[in-house]
Amino acid sequence: MRSREYGPDLTPPWKRTAPAPEVPAEADLVVEEVTTGFCGAVIRCEKTAQGPVVTLEDRFGKQRVFPMEPRGFLLEGRVVTLVRPAAAPAPQGPARTASGSIAVPGARARVARAGRIYVEGRHDAELVERVWGDDLRIEGVVVEYLEGIDDLPAIVRSFAPGPDARLGVLVDHLVPGSKESRIAAEVTGDHVLVVGHPYVDVWEAVKPSSVGIPAWPRVPRGQDWKTGVCRALRWPENTGAAWQRILGSVRSYKDLEPTLLGSVERLIDHVTEAP
């Protein structure tokens, strides 16, 4: 009598687990780990001796590392298997800086011009450096920190701007009728350009989608805006840490609102304009 041949899997078909779809663990993909229920956005994937792992960050900024096991995560309520994303294709065309300008490989920083750009607020200055730093070094434009706009008239008098030493200034919340607009009108001239953005704080100039939030919260009058934002978003009330989180989400000009982009580009053109 001829013996039957059986396959290696003797599990009845009705008990077999269907394979879960494979999903690349792209940055910012939000998933839930099935064992712990931890829900967060993908921060990075890494290859370890024990196998690939993924780091997730929840909305409170807490990070946890999980092995990328089959059927290990939920995506929009569906069981999936996370896999490492495919390597990014080689860039086509010329490389570009974070501001979108064509990068100049091997270019050295130019000797600093006499002209300057002053930026009100440390966070504003860090954001300008993040996106336009490469361009500014090639153009030889130095960015200086302006602690408060009340100091601007004295700075302009001391700087003594002229055709070969133009001055550009970026200020927060430059709207008609504000104190900022009155001071800006007082110092603006042929060789001084003051521009700004309409936001209470430069945090708002970063697109909410880049930060991973639906919108910037509305903070009641009389409440510190940055602290109010942290509370509304249920972030730890540490504005320094919150800013690093926001700044870390900015990779290029595409993460910023057009109003800020236009203002900074105008300042760079003004300071580098030939006399």
Protein backbone atom coordinates (compact mmCIF):
# COMPACT_ATOMS: atom_id res chain seq x y z
CA MET A 1 0.00 0.00 0.00
CA ARG A 2 1.38 3.34 -0.98
CA SER A 3 2.04 5.75 1.90
CA ARG A 4 0.68 9.28 1.82
CA GLU A 5 3.02 12.24 1.54
CA TYR A 6 2.36 15.14 3.88
CA GLY A 7 3.68 18.68 3.68
CA PRO A 8 5.72 20.15 6.55
CA ASP A 9 2.73 22.18 7.87
CA LEU A 10 0.13 19.84 9.41
CA THR A 11 -1.98 22.73 10.79
CA PRO A 12 -5.58 22.54 9.52
CA PRO A 13 -6.30 25.34 7.02
CA TRP A 14 -8.96 26.90 9.27
CA LYS A 15 -6.39 27.31 12.04
CA ARG A 16 -3.60 28.80 9.97
CA THR A 17 -2.78 32.49 10.51
CA ALA A 18 -2.93 34.53 7.35
CA PRO A 19 0.29 36.45 6.68
CA ALA A 20 0.04 40.13 7.59
CA PRO A 21 0.79 42.76 4.94
CA GLU A 22 4.30 44.19 5.07
CA VAL A 23 4.52 47.94 5.59
CA PRO A 24 7.78 49.94 5.31
CA ALA A 25 8.58 51.65 8.62
CA GLU A 26 8.88 55.12 7.12
CA ALA A 27 9.60 58.07 9.40
CA ASP A 28 6.48 59.55 11.07
CA LEU A 29 4.33 56.47 10.35
CA VAL A 30 2.05 56.04 13.40
CA VAL A 31 1.57 52.44 14.60
CA GLU A 32 0.64 50.55 17.77
CA GLU A 33 2.74 47.70 19.17
CA VAL A 34 0.37 44.76 19.68
CA THR A 35 1.83 43.40 22.93
CA THR A 36 2.13 46.60 24.97
CA GLY A 37 -0.37 48.88 23.23
CA PHE A 38 2.31 51.58 22.93
CA CYS A 39 1.33 53.94 20.12
CA GLY A 40 3.75 56.30 18.46
CA ALA A 41 5.40 57.60 15.33
CA VAL A 42 8.36 55.88 13.75
CA ILE A 43 11.57 57.75 14.55
CA ARG A 44 14.12 55.38 13.04
CA CYS A 45 14.87 51.77 12.09
CA GLU A 46 18.11 50.04 12.97
CA LYS A 47 19.77 46.72 12.27
CA THR A 48 21.03 44.92 15.41
CA ALA A 49 22.63 41.56 16.13
CA GLN A 50 19.20 40.33 17.32
CA GLY A 51 17.46 41.59 14.19
CA PRO A 52 15.87 44.84 13.00
CA VAL A 53 14.28 47.15 15.58
CA VAL A 54 12.13 50.25 15.32
CA THR A 55 11.99 53.26 17.65
CA LEU A 56 8.56 54.80 18.28
CA GLU A 57 7.82 58.16 19.95
CA ASP A 58 4.41 58.85 21.49
CA ARG A 59 2.71 62.25 21.67
CA PHE A 60 4.35 62.98 25.04
CA GLY A 61 7.84 62.59 23.56
CA LYS A 62 8.49 59.19 25.18
CA GLN A 63 10.46 56.78 23.02
CA ARG A 64 10.55 52.97 23.06
CA VAL A 65 12.36 50.41 20.94
CA PHE A 66 10.59 47.29 19.63
CA PRO A 67 11.73 44.31 17.55
CA MET A 68 10.19 44.27 14.08
CA GLU A 69 8.52 40.90 14.44
CA PRO A 70 5.90 39.48 12.06
CA ARG A 71 2.37 40.68 12.90
CA GLY A 72 3.85 42.84 15.61
CA PHE A 73 2.03 46.14 14.99
CA LEU A 74 -1.35 47.66 14.27
CA LEU A 75 -1.78 50.25 11.54
CA GLU A 76 -5.20 51.93 11.61
CA GLY A 77 -6.50 48.87 13.49
CA ARG A 78 -5.08 46.36 11.03
CA VAL A 79 -2.34 43.87 11.94
CA VAL A 80 0.80 44.48 9.89
CA THR A 81 4.43 43.44 9.74
CA LEU A 82 6.85 46.36 9.75
CA VAL A 83 9.84 46.03 7.47
CA ARG A 84 12.83 48.27 6.94
CA PRO A 85 12.15 50.89 4.24
CA ALA A 86 13.95 50.56 0.93
CA ALA A 87 17.08 52.63 0.49
CA ALA A 88 16.38 56.06 -0.93
CA PRO A 89 17.20 56.34 -4.63
CA ALA A 90 20.25 58.34 -5.61
CA PRO A 91 19.33 62.02 -6.00
CA GLN A 92 18.72 63.18 -9.55
CA GLY A 93 20.06 66.52 -10.69
CA PRO A 94 22.14 68.95 -8.64
CA ALA A 95 22.15 68.71 -4.86
CA ARG A 96 20.33 71.48 -3.03
CA THR A 97 20.67 73.18 0.32
CA ALA A 98 17.92 73.18 2.93
CA SER A 99 16.67 76.49 1.49
CA GLY A 100 16.25 74.97 -1.97
CA SER A 101 19.31 76.68 -3.49
CA ILE A 102 21.70 74.69 -5.67
CA ALA A 103 24.52 73.43 -3.44
CA VAL A 104 28.11 74.28 -4.34
CA PRO A 105 30.26 71.23 -3.46
CA GLY A 106 33.47 72.13 -1.67
CA ALA A 107 32.60 75.82 -1.49
CA ARG A 108 34.30 77.73 1.31
CA ALA A 109 32.64 80.35 3.43
CA ARG A 110 33.09 83.82 2.03
CA VAL A 111 34.80 86.53 4.05
CA ALA A 112 32.08 88.25 6.05
CA ARG A 113 30.41 91.23 4.44
CA ALA A 114 30.01 94.51 6.25
CA GLY A 115 26.26 94.04 6.02
CA ARG A 116 24.40 92.10 8.70
CA ILE A 117 21.09 90.43 9.39
CA TYR A 118 19.68 90.80 12.90
CA VAL A 119 17.10 88.26 14.03
CA GLU A 120 14.80 88.85 17.01
CA GLY A 121 14.74 85.81 19.30
CA ARG A 122 17.07 82.85 19.75
CA HIS A 123 14.62 80.37 18.30
CA ASP A 124 14.22 82.56 15.21
CA ALA A 125 18.00 82.71 14.78
CA GLU A 126 18.32 78.93 15.14
CA LEU A 127 15.60 78.38 12.56
CA VAL A 128 17.29 80.74 10.08
CA GLU A 129 20.58 78.90 10.57
CA ARG A 130 18.85 75.55 10.12
CA VAL A 131 17.41 76.41 6.70
CA TRP A 132 19.62 79.17 5.30
CA GLY A 133 22.95 78.54 7.07
CA ASP A 134 24.76 77.13 4.01
CA ASP A 135 23.57 79.98 1.79
CA LEU A 136 24.54 82.64 4.30
CA ARG A 137 28.09 81.30 4.70
CA ILE A 138 28.62 81.21 0.94
CA GLU A 139 27.32 84.78 0.69
CA GLY A 140 29.39 85.92 3.66
CA VAL A 141 26.36 87.18 5.58
CA VAL A 142 26.59 87.14 9.37
CA VAL A 143 23.40 86.68 11.41
CA GLU A 144 23.29 88.32 14.82
CA TYR A 145 20.85 87.84 17.67
CA LEU A 146 18.50 90.72 18.52
CA GLU A 147 17.28 90.30 22.08
CA GLY A 148 14.34 92.67 21.71
CA ILE A 149 13.02 95.11 19.13
CA ASP A 150 13.19 97.96 21.67
CA ASP A 151 16.98 97.85 21.18
CA LEU A 152 16.72 98.21 17.40
CA PRO A 153 16.93 102.06 17.03
CA ALA A 154 20.17 102.16 19.03
CA ILE A 155 21.61 99.24 17.06
CA VAL A 156 20.85 100.95 13.75
CA ARG A 157 22.48 104.21 14.89
CA SER A 158 25.56 102.34 16.07
CA PHE A 159 25.76 100.22 12.91
CA ALA A 160 25.57 103.27 10.63
CA PRO A 161 24.24 101.43 7.57
CA GLY A 162 25.28 102.53 4.09
CA PRO A 163 25.52 101.31 0.48
CA ASP A 164 28.34 98.90 1.35
CA ALA A 165 26.95 97.93 4.75
CA ARG A 166 23.29 97.12 4.46
CA LEU A 167 21.26 96.04 7.46
CA GLY A 168 18.39 93.57 7.47
CA VAL A 169 16.16 92.79 10.47
CA LEU A 170 13.69 89.96 11.08
CA VAL A 171 11.15 90.54 13.87
CA ASP A 172 8.26 88.59 15.37
CA HIS A 173 4.59 89.55 15.06
CA LEU A 174 5.06 92.40 12.58
CA VAL A 175 1.45 93.45 12.03
CA PRO A 176 -0.08 96.92 11.36
CA GLY A 177 -0.60 99.04 14.45
CA SER A 178 1.73 97.02 16.66
CA LYS A 179 4.72 98.34 18.61
CA GLU A 180 6.92 96.34 16.27
CA SER A 181 5.51 98.06 13.19
CA ARG A 182 6.03 101.53 14.70
CA ILE A 183 9.68 100.83 15.53
CA ALA A 184 10.21 99.24 12.11
CA ALA A 185 8.86 102.37 10.40
CA GLU A 186 11.19 104.53 12.53
CA VAL A 187 14.39 102.80 11.38
CA THR A 188 13.56 101.67 7.83
CA GLY A 189 15.50 103.46 5.09
CA ASP A 190 17.38 102.95 1.85
CA HIS A 191 19.94 100.73 3.54
CA VAL A 192 17.80 99.23 6.32
CA LEU A 193 15.08 96.68 5.67
CA VAL A 194 12.85 95.42 8.49
CA VAL A 195 10.58 92.47 7.73
CA GLY A 196 8.77 89.95 9.86
CA HIS A 197 6.00 87.42 10.10
CA PRO A 198 2.48 87.70 11.54
CA TYR A 199 2.85 84.93 14.11
CA VAL A 200 2.96 85.48 17.87
CA ASP A 201 6.04 83.25 17.95
CA VAL A 202 8.26 81.73 15.28
CA TRP A 203 7.09 78.25 16.37
CA GLU A 204 3.95 78.93 14.31
CA ALA A 205 6.06 79.48 11.20
CA VAL A 206 6.77 75.74 11.17
CA LYS A 207 4.00 73.86 9.38
CA PRO A 208 1.87 71.83 11.82
CA SER A 209 2.03 68.80 9.51
CA SER A 210 5.83 68.80 9.80
CA VAL A 211 5.58 68.74 13.61
CA GLY A 212 2.94 65.99 13.50
CA ILE A 213 0.03 68.03 14.86
CA PRO A 214 -3.25 69.04 13.15
CA ALA A 215 -2.84 72.76 13.93
CA TRP A 216 -1.16 75.15 16.34
CA PRO A 217 -3.41 75.62 19.40
CA ARG A 218 -5.07 78.92 20.22
CA VAL A 219 -3.71 80.20 23.52
CA PRO A 220 -5.89 82.54 25.64
CA ARG A 221 -4.68 86.12 26.12
CA GLY A 222 -2.62 86.66 29.23
CA GLN A 223 -1.14 83.16 29.16
CA ASP A 224 2.44 82.51 28.12
CA TRP A 225 2.05 81.35 24.52
CA LYS A 226 4.73 78.66 24.50
CA THR A 227 3.62 77.18 27.81
CA GLY A 228 0.02 77.25 26.60
CA VAL A 229 0.99 75.37 23.45
CA CYS A 230 2.75 72.67 25.48
CA ARG A 231 -0.31 72.26 27.70
CA ALA A 232 -2.74 72.13 24.80
CA LEU A 233 -0.65 69.52 22.98
CA ARG A 234 -0.04 67.60 26.22
CA TRP A 235 3.71 67.98 25.85
CA PRO A 236 5.91 68.30 28.94
CA GLU A 237 5.91 71.95 30.02
CA ASN A 238 9.54 72.42 29.05
CA THR A 239 9.65 75.02 26.29
CA GLY A 240 13.32 74.37 25.56
CA ALA A 241 12.68 70.68 24.94
CA ALA A 242 9.54 71.53 22.96
CA TRP A 243 11.53 73.85 20.70
CA GLN A 244 14.17 71.18 20.05
CA ARG A 245 11.35 68.84 19.05
CA ILE A 246 9.97 71.45 16.66
CA LEU A 247 13.36 72.43 15.26
CA GLY A 248 14.21 68.76 14.74
CA SER A 249 11.16 68.42 12.49
CA VAL A 250 12.49 71.09 10.10
CA ARG A 251 14.55 69.51 7.32
CA SER A 252 14.14 72.11 4.58
CA TYR A 253 12.21 75.17 3.45
CA LYS A 254 9.27 72.85 2.70
CA ASP A 255 8.60 72.61 6.46
CA LEU A 256 8.12 76.38 6.84
CA GLU A 257 5.21 78.68 6.07
CA PRO A 258 5.61 80.83 2.92
CA THR A 259 5.35 84.08 4.91
CA LEU A 260 8.60 83.39 6.76
CA LEU A 261 10.33 82.07 3.63
CA GLY A 262 9.58 85.24 1.71
CA SER A 263 10.74 87.49 4.54
CA VAL A 264 14.13 85.81 4.97
CA GLU A 265 14.77 85.66 1.22
CA ARG A 266 14.06 89.42 1.00
CA LEU A 267 16.58 90.09 3.76
CA ILE A 268 19.30 88.04 2.07
CA ASP A 269 18.69 89.80 -1.26
CA HIS A 270 18.79 93.19 0.47
CA VAL A 271 22.05 92.58 2.31
CA THR A 272 23.83 91.02 -0.71
CA GLU A 273 22.60 93.57 -3.27
CA ALA A 274 25.46 95.26 -5.08
CA PRO A 275 25.77 99.00 -4.29
